[in-house]
């Protein structure tokens, strides 16, 4: 290989090393955040219910960016946004605890109602303006009737159980 080709190859490799990101370690914006939600496990049909979400944690904050927490409440079946609310953290997010309340109206029929609670950290002015902290599906029983759990049996298990019971009955009758 001639020297000109070697220089070109070295230049291409150097450019690729600079352009292609390696395994660089970048500091996380938030060291720790804990998200928890409280909600009623039962609601009357068409009744108002509250979901209260608390986010507490510690984020790197230099006082230049504004922080807040937003919580979206979505119907788990239709994925329709039922409620969106936020709470201010402020310019100092080094140690925070905020509470966000969301309200929703339960469906009109008795059912198990899945709701999705999505919690976001908003950093206004930052490079990552919004990040999903937590997404949780909760279940609320609408109405007083608790639905019966579904019994999903394995066909071979049912066959073995019926065969076993039939064998016991036949052997008992033969021994009498």
N, C-alpha and C. Protein backbone atom coordinates (compact mmCIF):
# COMPACT_ATOMS: atom_id res chain seq x y z
N UNK A 1 0.85 -1.16 0.00
CA UNK A 1 0.00 0.00 0.00
C UNK A 1 0.90 1.24 0.00
N UNK A 2 0.56 2.22 -0.82
CA UNK A 2 1.39 3.41 -0.88
C UNK A 2 1.05 4.35 0.26
N UNK A 3 1.88 5.34 0.46
CA UNK A 3 1.73 6.25 1.60
C UNK A 3 0.47 7.11 1.49
N UNK A 4 0.10 7.44 0.27
CA UNK A 4 -1.11 8.26 0.08
C UNK A 4 -2.36 7.47 0.51
N UNK A 5 -2.44 6.22 0.16
CA UNK A 5 -3.57 5.37 0.55
C UNK A 5 -3.59 5.16 2.05
N UNK A 6 -2.42 5.03 2.66
CA UNK A 6 -2.32 4.84 4.11
C UNK A 6 -2.82 6.08 4.84
N UNK A 7 -2.45 7.26 4.37
CA UNK A 7 -2.89 8.51 4.99
C UNK A 7 -4.41 8.66 4.86
N UNK A 8 -4.95 8.35 3.68
CA UNK A 8 -6.40 8.44 3.47
C UNK A 8 -7.14 7.47 4.38
N UNK A 9 -6.62 6.24 4.48
CA UNK A 9 -7.25 5.24 5.34
C UNK A 9 -7.21 5.67 6.80
N UNK A 10 -6.08 6.23 7.24
CA UNK A 10 -5.95 6.69 8.62
C UNK A 10 -6.91 7.85 8.90
N UNK A 11 -7.06 8.74 7.91
CA UNK A 11 -7.99 9.87 8.05
C UNK A 11 -9.43 9.39 8.15
N UNK A 12 -9.81 8.41 7.33
CA UNK A 12 -11.17 7.86 7.37
C UNK A 12 -11.44 7.21 8.72
N UNK A 13 -10.48 6.42 9.21
CA UNK A 13 -10.65 5.77 10.51
C UNK A 13 -10.78 6.81 11.62
N UNK A 14 -9.97 7.88 11.58
CA UNK A 14 -10.03 8.93 12.60
C UNK A 14 -11.39 9.63 12.58
N UNK A 15 -11.91 9.91 11.38
CA UNK A 15 -13.21 10.57 11.27
C UNK A 15 -14.31 9.65 11.81
N UNK A 16 -14.23 8.37 11.47
CA UNK A 16 -15.23 7.42 11.96
C UNK A 16 -15.20 7.31 13.49
N UNK A 17 -14.02 7.31 14.07
CA UNK A 17 -13.92 7.24 15.53
C UNK A 17 -14.51 8.46 16.21
N UNK A 18 -14.40 9.60 15.57
CA UNK A 18 -14.96 10.83 16.14
C UNK A 18 -16.47 10.88 15.93
N UNK A 19 -16.95 10.46 14.75
CA UNK A 19 -18.36 10.57 14.41
C UNK A 19 -19.20 9.50 15.10
N UNK A 20 -18.74 8.26 15.11
CA UNK A 20 -19.51 7.17 15.69
C UNK A 20 -19.34 7.21 17.20
N UNK A 21 -20.46 7.32 17.91
CA UNK A 21 -20.36 7.39 19.36
C UNK A 21 -19.90 6.06 19.94
N UNK A 22 -19.00 6.15 20.85
CA UNK A 22 -18.51 4.95 21.53
C UNK A 22 -19.34 4.68 22.76
N UNK A 23 -18.72 4.06 23.71
CA UNK A 23 -19.43 3.75 24.95
C UNK A 23 -19.15 4.84 25.97
N UNK A 24 -19.44 6.06 25.60
CA UNK A 24 -19.19 7.17 26.51
C UNK A 24 -20.23 7.13 27.63
N UNK A 25 -19.81 7.54 28.79
CA UNK A 25 -20.68 7.53 29.96
C UNK A 25 -21.15 8.95 30.20
N UNK A 26 -22.44 9.13 30.19
CA UNK A 26 -23.00 10.45 30.46
C UNK A 26 -23.77 10.38 31.77
N UNK A 27 -23.69 11.42 32.54
CA UNK A 27 -24.38 11.46 33.82
C UNK A 27 -25.89 11.56 33.62
N UNK A 28 -26.61 10.86 34.44
CA UNK A 28 -28.06 10.90 34.37
C UNK A 28 -28.54 12.21 34.99
N UNK A 29 -29.61 12.73 34.45
CA UNK A 29 -30.17 13.99 34.95
C UNK A 29 -30.64 13.82 36.39
N UNK A 30 -31.31 12.71 36.68
CA UNK A 30 -31.85 12.49 38.02
C UNK A 30 -31.20 11.26 38.63
N UNK A 31 -30.74 11.39 39.86
CA UNK A 31 -30.09 10.29 40.54
C UNK A 31 -31.12 9.25 40.99
N UNK A 32 -32.21 9.71 41.58
CA UNK A 32 -33.25 8.78 42.03
C UNK A 32 -34.59 9.50 42.07
N UNK A 33 -35.60 8.81 41.58
CA UNK A 33 -36.96 9.33 41.64
C UNK A 33 -37.88 8.18 42.00
N UNK A 34 -38.76 8.41 42.94
CA UNK A 34 -39.74 7.41 43.35
C UNK A 34 -41.12 7.95 43.01
N UNK A 35 -41.92 7.14 42.33
CA UNK A 35 -43.27 7.53 41.94
C UNK A 35 -44.26 6.55 42.56
N UNK A 36 -45.29 7.07 43.21
CA UNK A 36 -46.33 6.21 43.77
C UNK A 36 -47.68 6.87 43.57
N UNK A 37 -48.71 6.04 43.39
CA UNK A 37 -50.07 6.55 43.18
C UNK A 37 -51.02 5.88 44.17
N UNK A 38 -51.97 6.68 44.66
CA UNK A 38 -53.05 6.15 45.49
C UNK A 38 -54.35 6.41 44.76
N UNK A 39 -55.28 5.46 44.85
CA UNK A 39 -56.54 5.55 44.12
C UNK A 39 -57.56 4.63 44.78
N UNK A 40 -58.84 4.89 44.55
CA UNK A 40 -59.85 3.98 45.10
C UNK A 40 -59.88 2.69 44.27
N UNK A 41 -60.08 1.58 44.92
CA UNK A 41 -60.14 0.32 44.19
C UNK A 41 -61.54 0.03 43.68
N UNK A 42 -62.50 0.85 44.11
CA UNK A 42 -63.87 0.69 43.65
C UNK A 42 -64.49 2.08 43.47
N UNK A 43 -65.35 2.21 42.46
CA UNK A 43 -66.02 3.49 42.17
C UNK A 43 -67.44 3.20 41.71
N UNK A 44 -68.38 4.09 42.02
CA UNK A 44 -69.75 3.89 41.52
C UNK A 44 -69.82 4.23 40.02
N UNK A 45 -70.75 3.62 39.30
CA UNK A 45 -70.91 3.98 37.88
C UNK A 45 -71.13 5.49 37.74
N UNK A 46 -70.45 6.10 36.80
CA UNK A 46 -70.49 7.55 36.52
C UNK A 46 -70.03 8.39 37.71
N UNK A 47 -69.34 7.79 38.64
CA UNK A 47 -68.86 8.51 39.82
C UNK A 47 -67.51 9.15 39.58
N UNK A 48 -67.25 10.25 40.28
CA UNK A 48 -65.96 10.93 40.21
C UNK A 48 -64.97 10.18 41.08
N UNK A 49 -63.76 10.03 40.61
CA UNK A 49 -62.71 9.41 41.41
C UNK A 49 -61.42 10.18 41.22
N UNK A 50 -60.56 10.09 42.22
CA UNK A 50 -59.29 10.81 42.22
C UNK A 50 -58.13 9.82 42.22
N UNK A 51 -57.12 10.14 41.44
CA UNK A 51 -55.85 9.42 41.49
C UNK A 51 -54.81 10.45 41.94
N UNK A 52 -54.13 10.15 43.05
CA UNK A 52 -53.13 11.07 43.59
C UNK A 52 -51.76 10.43 43.40
N UNK A 53 -50.89 11.13 42.68
CA UNK A 53 -49.56 10.62 42.38
C UNK A 53 -48.52 11.50 43.05
N UNK A 54 -47.57 10.86 43.71
CA UNK A 54 -46.49 11.58 44.37
C UNK A 54 -45.17 11.19 43.70
N UNK A 55 -44.39 12.20 43.33
CA UNK A 55 -43.06 11.98 42.77
C UNK A 55 -42.06 12.68 43.69
N UNK A 56 -41.07 11.93 44.14
CA UNK A 56 -40.05 12.49 45.01
C UNK A 56 -38.69 12.04 44.50
N UNK A 57 -37.71 12.93 44.58
CA UNK A 57 -36.40 12.53 44.10
C UNK A 57 -35.38 13.64 44.17
N UNK A 58 -34.31 13.40 43.43
CA UNK A 58 -33.20 14.34 43.38
C UNK A 58 -32.66 14.38 41.96
N UNK A 59 -32.61 15.57 41.39
CA UNK A 59 -32.09 15.76 40.03
C UNK A 59 -30.96 16.77 40.05
N UNK A 60 -30.06 16.67 39.09
CA UNK A 60 -28.99 17.65 38.95
C UNK A 60 -29.62 18.95 38.48
N UNK A 61 -29.42 19.98 39.22
CA UNK A 61 -30.08 21.24 38.92
C UNK A 61 -29.10 22.39 39.17
N UNK A 62 -28.90 23.21 38.13
CA UNK A 62 -27.99 24.34 38.27
C UNK A 62 -28.72 25.67 38.43
N UNK A 63 -30.04 25.61 38.54
CA UNK A 63 -30.82 26.82 38.72
C UNK A 63 -31.22 27.52 37.44
N UNK A 64 -30.80 26.99 36.27
CA UNK A 64 -31.14 27.62 35.00
C UNK A 64 -32.39 27.03 34.37
N UNK A 65 -32.63 25.74 34.59
CA UNK A 65 -33.78 25.07 33.98
C UNK A 65 -34.92 24.93 34.99
N UNK A 66 -36.14 25.00 34.48
CA UNK A 66 -37.33 24.90 35.31
C UNK A 66 -37.87 23.47 35.24
N UNK A 67 -38.18 22.86 36.38
CA UNK A 67 -38.65 21.49 36.44
C UNK A 67 -40.10 21.43 36.92
N UNK A 68 -40.82 20.44 36.39
CA UNK A 68 -42.17 20.14 36.86
C UNK A 68 -42.46 18.66 36.59
N UNK A 69 -43.53 18.17 37.19
CA UNK A 69 -43.98 16.79 36.98
C UNK A 69 -45.38 16.84 36.41
N UNK A 70 -45.61 16.07 35.33
CA UNK A 70 -46.95 15.98 34.73
C UNK A 70 -47.43 14.54 34.82
N UNK A 71 -48.71 14.38 35.15
CA UNK A 71 -49.31 13.05 35.21
C UNK A 71 -50.49 13.01 34.26
N UNK A 72 -50.47 12.04 33.35
CA UNK A 72 -51.59 11.81 32.43
C UNK A 72 -52.34 10.58 32.88
N UNK A 73 -53.65 10.66 32.89
CA UNK A 73 -54.52 9.54 33.25
C UNK A 73 -55.27 9.14 31.99
N UNK A 74 -55.05 7.90 31.53
CA UNK A 74 -55.65 7.43 30.29
C UNK A 74 -56.54 6.23 30.55
N UNK A 75 -57.63 6.13 29.78
CA UNK A 75 -58.48 4.95 29.81
C UNK A 75 -57.67 3.81 29.20
N UNK A 76 -57.51 2.72 29.94
CA UNK A 76 -56.68 1.62 29.48
C UNK A 76 -57.25 0.86 28.30
N UNK A 77 -58.57 0.92 28.10
CA UNK A 77 -59.19 0.20 27.00
C UNK A 77 -59.13 0.99 25.70
N UNK A 78 -59.50 2.25 25.75
CA UNK A 78 -59.56 3.07 24.53
C UNK A 78 -58.32 3.95 24.34
N UNK A 79 -57.45 4.03 25.35
CA UNK A 79 -56.26 4.87 25.33
C UNK A 79 -56.62 6.36 25.20
N UNK A 80 -57.80 6.73 25.67
CA UNK A 80 -58.26 8.11 25.65
C UNK A 80 -57.73 8.85 26.87
N UNK A 81 -57.23 10.06 26.66
CA UNK A 81 -56.75 10.88 27.77
C UNK A 81 -57.94 11.37 28.58
N UNK A 82 -57.98 11.02 29.86
CA UNK A 82 -59.07 11.42 30.74
C UNK A 82 -58.72 12.66 31.54
N UNK A 83 -57.45 12.79 31.90
CA UNK A 83 -57.03 13.91 32.73
C UNK A 83 -55.53 14.11 32.59
N UNK A 84 -55.10 15.36 32.58
CA UNK A 84 -53.67 15.71 32.59
C UNK A 84 -53.51 16.85 33.58
N UNK A 85 -52.57 16.69 34.48
CA UNK A 85 -52.35 17.72 35.49
C UNK A 85 -50.86 17.74 35.82
N UNK A 86 -50.38 18.87 36.33
CA UNK A 86 -48.96 18.97 36.64
C UNK A 86 -48.75 19.70 37.97
N UNK A 87 -47.54 19.54 38.49
CA UNK A 87 -47.14 20.23 39.72
C UNK A 87 -45.75 20.82 39.48
N UNK A 88 -45.52 22.00 40.02
CA UNK A 88 -44.25 22.70 39.85
C UNK A 88 -43.22 22.17 40.82
N UNK A 89 -42.01 21.96 40.32
CA UNK A 89 -40.86 21.69 41.18
C UNK A 89 -40.08 22.99 41.35
N UNK A 90 -39.86 23.70 40.25
CA UNK A 90 -39.14 24.96 40.28
C UNK A 90 -37.76 24.84 39.69
N UNK A 91 -36.91 25.83 39.97
CA UNK A 91 -35.56 25.86 39.42
C UNK A 91 -34.58 25.01 40.23
N UNK A 92 -34.96 24.68 41.44
CA UNK A 92 -34.10 23.84 42.29
C UNK A 92 -34.74 22.46 42.42
N UNK A 93 -34.21 21.49 41.69
CA UNK A 93 -34.75 20.12 41.72
C UNK A 93 -33.79 19.17 42.43
N UNK A 94 -32.87 19.73 43.22
CA UNK A 94 -31.89 18.89 43.91
C UNK A 94 -32.54 17.92 44.88
N UNK A 95 -33.63 18.31 45.50
CA UNK A 95 -34.36 17.45 46.43
C UNK A 95 -35.81 17.90 46.40
N UNK A 96 -36.71 17.08 45.85
CA UNK A 96 -38.09 17.53 45.70
C UNK A 96 -39.09 16.42 46.03
N UNK A 97 -40.30 16.84 46.33
CA UNK A 97 -41.44 15.94 46.50
C UNK A 97 -42.68 16.73 46.10
N UNK A 98 -43.38 16.27 45.06
CA UNK A 98 -44.57 16.95 44.58
C UNK A 98 -45.72 15.95 44.47
N UNK A 99 -46.94 16.47 44.61
CA UNK A 99 -48.14 15.66 44.51
C UNK A 99 -49.01 16.21 43.39
N UNK A 100 -49.50 15.29 42.53
CA UNK A 100 -50.37 15.67 41.41
C UNK A 100 -51.68 14.92 41.55
N UNK A 101 -52.80 15.66 41.43
CA UNK A 101 -54.13 15.05 41.52
C UNK A 101 -54.78 15.03 40.15
N UNK A 102 -55.34 13.88 39.80
CA UNK A 102 -56.08 13.72 38.56
C UNK A 102 -57.46 13.20 38.90
N UNK A 103 -58.47 13.74 38.22
CA UNK A 103 -59.84 13.30 38.42
C UNK A 103 -60.36 12.66 37.14
N UNK A 104 -61.25 11.70 37.30
CA UNK A 104 -61.87 11.05 36.14
C UNK A 104 -63.25 10.59 36.53
N UNK A 105 -64.12 10.45 35.53
CA UNK A 105 -65.46 9.93 35.74
C UNK A 105 -65.49 8.48 35.30
N UNK A 106 -65.96 7.62 36.19
CA UNK A 106 -66.00 6.18 35.91
C UNK A 106 -67.03 5.89 34.82
N UNK A 107 -66.88 4.78 34.11
CA UNK A 107 -67.88 4.39 33.11
C UNK A 107 -69.24 4.13 33.75
N UNK A 108 -70.27 4.06 32.92
CA UNK A 108 -71.63 3.90 33.44
C UNK A 108 -72.01 2.45 33.69
N UNK A 109 -71.18 1.50 33.29
CA UNK A 109 -71.52 0.09 33.46
C UNK A 109 -70.61 -0.56 34.50
N UNK A 110 -71.11 -1.62 35.13
CA UNK A 110 -70.30 -2.38 36.07
C UNK A 110 -69.23 -3.14 35.29
N UNK A 111 -67.98 -2.92 35.66
CA UNK A 111 -66.87 -3.57 34.97
C UNK A 111 -65.58 -3.35 35.73
N UNK A 112 -64.57 -4.08 35.37
CA UNK A 112 -63.22 -3.80 35.85
C UNK A 112 -62.62 -2.81 34.86
N UNK A 113 -62.24 -1.65 35.36
CA UNK A 113 -61.82 -0.53 34.52
C UNK A 113 -60.31 -0.34 34.62
N UNK A 114 -59.56 -0.61 33.53
CA UNK A 114 -58.12 -0.36 33.56
C UNK A 114 -57.81 1.10 33.25
N UNK A 115 -56.95 1.68 34.06
CA UNK A 115 -56.47 3.05 33.84
C UNK A 115 -54.96 3.03 33.77
N UNK A 116 -54.40 3.85 32.89
CA UNK A 116 -52.95 3.97 32.79
C UNK A 116 -52.54 5.31 33.39
N UNK A 117 -51.59 5.28 34.31
CA UNK A 117 -51.08 6.48 34.96
C UNK A 117 -49.66 6.69 34.44
N UNK A 118 -49.47 7.73 33.61
CA UNK A 118 -48.15 8.05 33.04
C UNK A 118 -47.60 9.30 33.73
N UNK A 119 -46.41 9.19 34.31
CA UNK A 119 -45.78 10.29 35.04
C UNK A 119 -44.54 10.75 34.28
N UNK A 120 -44.46 12.05 34.02
CA UNK A 120 -43.36 12.64 33.25
C UNK A 120 -42.62 13.68 34.08
N UNK A 121 -41.31 13.77 33.86
CA UNK A 121 -40.51 14.86 34.41
C UNK A 121 -40.29 15.84 33.27
N UNK A 122 -40.66 17.09 33.48
CA UNK A 122 -40.50 18.13 32.46
C UNK A 122 -39.35 19.03 32.87
N UNK A 123 -38.40 19.23 31.95
CA UNK A 123 -37.28 20.14 32.17
C UNK A 123 -37.34 21.22 31.10
N UNK A 124 -37.87 22.37 31.45
CA UNK A 124 -37.99 23.46 30.49
C UNK A 124 -36.63 24.14 30.32
N UNK A 125 -36.17 24.20 29.07
CA UNK A 125 -34.89 24.82 28.78
C UNK A 125 -33.76 23.83 28.69
N UNK A 126 -34.00 22.60 29.05
CA UNK A 126 -32.96 21.59 29.02
C UNK A 126 -32.88 20.90 27.67
N UNK A 127 -31.91 20.02 27.53
CA UNK A 127 -31.76 19.29 26.27
C UNK A 127 -32.78 18.14 26.17
N UNK A 128 -33.11 17.54 27.30
CA UNK A 128 -34.16 16.50 27.29
C UNK A 128 -35.37 17.09 28.00
N UNK A 129 -36.23 17.72 27.24
CA UNK A 129 -37.31 18.50 27.82
C UNK A 129 -38.33 17.66 28.59
N UNK A 130 -38.53 16.41 28.20
CA UNK A 130 -39.55 15.60 28.84
C UNK A 130 -39.07 14.16 28.88
N UNK A 131 -39.26 13.51 30.00
CA UNK A 131 -38.90 12.10 30.06
C UNK A 131 -39.92 11.35 30.90
N UNK A 132 -40.27 10.17 30.43
CA UNK A 132 -41.24 9.33 31.12
C UNK A 132 -40.58 8.73 32.35
N UNK A 133 -41.14 9.00 33.51
CA UNK A 133 -40.61 8.45 34.75
C UNK A 133 -41.21 7.08 35.04
N UNK A 134 -42.53 6.99 34.86
CA UNK A 134 -43.22 5.77 35.26
C UNK A 134 -44.52 5.64 34.48
N UNK A 135 -44.87 4.41 34.14
CA UNK A 135 -46.15 4.11 33.52
C UNK A 135 -46.72 2.90 34.23
N UNK A 136 -47.87 3.07 34.84
CA UNK A 136 -48.49 2.01 35.63
C UNK A 136 -49.93 1.83 35.20
N UNK A 137 -50.36 0.58 35.08
CA UNK A 137 -51.77 0.29 34.82
C UNK A 137 -52.41 -0.10 36.15
N UNK A 138 -53.50 0.59 36.48
CA UNK A 138 -54.24 0.28 37.70
C UNK A 138 -55.62 -0.22 37.31
N UNK A 139 -56.24 -0.99 38.20
CA UNK A 139 -57.57 -1.54 37.94
C UNK A 139 -58.53 -1.02 38.99
N UNK A 140 -59.68 -0.53 38.54
CA UNK A 140 -60.72 -0.04 39.43
C UNK A 140 -62.00 -0.79 39.11
N UNK A 141 -62.65 -1.32 40.15
CA UNK A 141 -63.92 -2.02 39.96
C UNK A 141 -65.04 -0.99 39.97
N UNK A 142 -65.74 -0.89 38.85
CA UNK A 142 -66.86 0.05 38.74
C UNK A 142 -68.13 -0.71 39.11
N UNK A 143 -68.87 -0.18 40.06
CA UNK A 143 -70.10 -0.84 40.51
C UNK A 143 -69.79 -1.82 41.63
N UNK A 144 -70.85 -2.36 42.22
CA UNK A 144 -70.69 -3.24 43.38
C UNK A 144 -70.44 -4.68 43.03
N UNK A 145 -70.70 -5.07 41.81
CA UNK A 145 -70.54 -6.47 41.44
C UNK A 145 -69.10 -6.76 41.11
N UNK A 146 -68.52 -7.67 41.86
CA UNK A 146 -67.16 -8.09 41.56
C UNK A 146 -67.23 -9.17 40.51
N UNK A 147 -66.56 -9.00 39.39
CA UNK A 147 -66.64 -10.01 38.36
C UNK A 147 -65.96 -11.30 38.82
N UNK A 148 -66.50 -12.41 38.39
CA UNK A 148 -65.91 -13.70 38.72
C UNK A 148 -64.63 -13.87 37.93
N UNK A 149 -63.62 -14.45 38.57
CA UNK A 149 -62.38 -14.67 37.83
C UNK A 149 -62.59 -15.71 36.76
N UNK A 150 -61.88 -15.53 35.68
CA UNK A 150 -61.99 -16.48 34.58
C UNK A 150 -61.20 -17.73 34.94
N UNK A 151 -61.80 -18.91 34.63
CA UNK A 151 -61.12 -20.17 34.86
C UNK A 151 -60.62 -20.68 33.53
N UNK A 152 -59.33 -20.61 33.37
CA UNK A 152 -58.73 -21.09 32.14
C UNK A 152 -57.94 -22.35 32.48
N UNK A 153 -58.51 -23.48 32.11
CA UNK A 153 -57.87 -24.75 32.46
C UNK A 153 -57.17 -25.34 31.25
N UNK A 154 -56.13 -26.02 31.52
CA UNK A 154 -55.40 -26.75 30.50
C UNK A 154 -56.23 -27.99 30.15
N UNK A 155 -56.43 -28.26 28.87
CA UNK A 155 -57.28 -29.38 28.44
C UNK A 155 -56.75 -30.70 28.97
N UNK A 156 -55.45 -30.89 28.95
CA UNK A 156 -54.90 -32.16 29.44
C UNK A 156 -55.09 -32.28 30.95
N UNK A 157 -55.02 -31.16 31.68
CA UNK A 157 -55.24 -31.19 33.12
C UNK A 157 -56.69 -31.59 33.43
N UNK A 158 -57.63 -31.04 32.70
CA UNK A 158 -59.04 -31.40 32.88
C UNK A 158 -59.25 -32.88 32.57
N UNK A 159 -58.63 -33.38 31.50
CA UNK A 159 -58.77 -34.78 31.12
C UNK A 159 -58.22 -35.69 32.22
N UNK A 160 -57.05 -35.35 32.77
CA UNK A 160 -56.46 -36.17 33.84
C UNK A 160 -57.33 -36.16 35.08
N UNK A 161 -57.88 -34.99 35.44
CA UNK A 161 -58.74 -34.89 36.62
C UNK A 161 -60.00 -35.72 36.44
N UNK A 162 -60.66 -35.63 35.28
CA UNK A 162 -61.88 -36.41 35.02
C UNK A 162 -61.56 -37.89 34.99
N UNK A 163 -60.45 -38.28 34.36
CA UNK A 163 -60.04 -39.68 34.31
C UNK A 163 -59.76 -40.21 35.71
N UNK A 164 -59.10 -39.42 36.54
CA UNK A 164 -58.80 -39.84 37.91
C UNK A 164 -60.04 -40.03 38.73
N UNK A 165 -60.97 -39.08 38.67
CA UNK A 165 -62.23 -39.19 39.42
C UNK A 165 -63.05 -40.37 38.94
N UNK A 166 -63.10 -40.59 37.65
CA UNK A 166 -63.85 -41.73 37.09
C UNK A 166 -63.23 -43.03 37.56
N UNK A 167 -61.91 -43.12 37.59
CA UNK A 167 -61.23 -44.34 38.05
C UNK A 167 -61.54 -44.62 39.50
N UNK A 168 -61.53 -43.58 40.34
CA UNK A 168 -61.84 -43.75 41.76
C UNK A 168 -63.26 -44.27 41.94
N UNK A 169 -64.21 -43.69 41.22
CA UNK A 169 -65.61 -44.13 41.32
C UNK A 169 -65.76 -45.58 40.87
N UNK A 170 -65.13 -45.95 39.78
CA UNK A 170 -65.24 -47.33 39.26
C UNK A 170 -64.62 -48.31 40.25
N UNK A 171 -63.44 -48.02 40.80
CA UNK A 171 -62.79 -48.93 41.74
C UNK A 171 -63.58 -49.07 43.04
N UNK A 172 -64.22 -48.00 43.50
CA UNK A 172 -65.04 -48.08 44.71
C UNK A 172 -66.25 -48.97 44.48
N UNK A 173 -66.87 -48.86 43.31
CA UNK A 173 -68.06 -49.67 43.03
C UNK A 173 -67.68 -51.17 42.88
N UNK A 174 -66.50 -51.40 42.30
CA UNK A 174 -66.06 -52.79 42.13
C UNK A 174 -65.71 -53.43 43.48
N UNK A 175 -65.19 -52.65 44.43
CA UNK A 175 -64.81 -53.21 45.71
C UNK A 175 -66.02 -53.42 46.61
N UNK A 176 -67.16 -52.88 46.33
CA UNK A 176 -68.35 -53.08 47.15
C UNK A 176 -68.97 -54.35 46.78
